[in-house]
Amino acid sequence: MSKKNKDIQVQIKEEERTVGGKKQIVTQLVIGKKIIGEIIPENKNFQAYNDGHLLGNYRTLDDGIEALIRNWNLHE
């Protein structure tokens, strides 16, 4: 018997943080009260982190968000 898919709300929050001596806008993905990942701009790319581990470098913010959601969905 198959399960019905549940709708899950993913919130995107931005906060200013000092990273490597520079102030940068860090984008956080939040489900409920749990932070599932962060995206930090690096030169012209974006680095996606999950639990402090680098998932990869992405050309756009949207690609980084997609990768974090895919990773969360795979391991949750």
Protein backbone atom coordinates (compact mmCIF):
# COMPACT_ATOMS: atom_id res chain seq x y z
CA MET A 1 0.00 0.00 0.00
CA SER A 2 1.45 3.37 -0.96
CA LYS A 3 1.73 6.38 1.32
CA LYS A 4 0.23 9.72 0.43
CA ASN A 5 2.81 12.49 0.03
CA LYS A 6 2.67 15.21 2.66
CA ASP A 7 3.11 18.87 1.83
CA ILE A 8 6.08 20.34 3.68
CA GLN A 9 6.75 24.06 3.95
CA VAL A 10 10.33 25.13 3.43
CA GLN A 11 11.21 28.62 4.63
CA ILE A 12 14.12 30.63 3.32
CA LYS A 13 15.69 32.98 5.86
CA GLU A 14 18.57 35.36 5.29
CA GLU A 15 20.90 36.61 7.99
CA GLU A 16 24.03 38.71 7.93
CA ARG A 17 27.04 36.91 9.36
CA THR A 18 30.80 37.36 9.39
CA VAL A 19 32.39 34.63 7.27
CA GLY A 20 36.14 34.65 6.69
CA GLY A 21 36.49 38.18 8.03
CA LYS A 22 33.79 39.61 5.71
CA LYS A 23 30.14 40.29 6.40
CA GLN A 24 28.00 38.20 4.06
CA ILE A 25 24.34 37.32 3.65
CA VAL A 26 23.85 33.65 4.57
CA THR A 27 20.70 31.96 3.28
CA GLN A 28 19.21 29.30 5.56
CA LEU A 29 16.62 26.67 4.62
CA VAL A 30 14.29 25.85 7.51
CA ILE A 31 11.64 23.15 7.85
CA GLY A 32 9.61 23.63 11.00
CA LYS A 33 12.21 24.67 13.56
CA LYS A 34 15.07 22.66 12.03
CA ILE A 35 17.72 24.27 9.81
CA ILE A 36 18.34 21.81 6.96
CA GLY A 37 21.17 23.74 5.36
CA GLU A 38 22.90 27.01 4.57
CA ILE A 39 24.07 28.67 1.38
CA ILE A 40 27.01 31.06 1.44
CA PRO A 41 28.04 33.19 -1.57
CA GLU A 42 31.64 32.57 -2.67
CA ASN A 43 32.91 34.82 -5.50
CA LYS A 44 30.39 34.23 -8.33
CA ASN A 45 29.23 30.84 -7.01
CA PHE A 46 27.27 29.59 -4.01
CA GLN A 47 28.41 26.95 -1.53
CA ALA A 48 25.73 24.74 0.04
CA TYR A 49 26.36 23.30 3.50
CA ASN A 50 24.40 20.63 5.36
CA ASP A 51 25.26 20.11 9.05
CA GLY A 52 28.60 21.85 8.47
CA HIS A 53 29.54 19.62 5.52
CA LEU A 54 30.02 21.12 2.06
CA LEU A 55 27.58 19.62 -0.47
CA GLY A 56 29.08 21.45 -3.42
CA ASN A 57 29.49 24.67 -5.37
CA TYR A 58 26.58 25.92 -7.47
CA ARG A 59 26.25 28.64 -10.09
CA THR A 60 22.95 30.02 -8.78
CA LEU A 61 21.22 30.32 -5.43
CA ASP A 62 18.29 28.28 -6.79
CA ASP A 63 20.62 25.38 -7.68
CA GLY A 64 21.99 25.40 -4.14
CA ILE A 65 18.49 25.42 -2.66
CA GLU A 66 17.49 22.49 -4.89
CA ALA A 67 20.55 20.50 -3.83
CA LEU A 68 19.82 21.04 -0.13
CA ILE A 69 16.20 19.99 -0.52
CA ARG A 70 17.21 16.90 -2.54
CA ASN A 71 19.77 15.95 0.08
CA TRP A 72 17.29 16.43 2.93
CA ASN A 73 14.63 14.41 1.09
CA LEU A 74 17.09 11.59 0.44
CA HIS A 75 18.24 11.28 4.05
CA GLU A 76 15.03 12.08 5.92
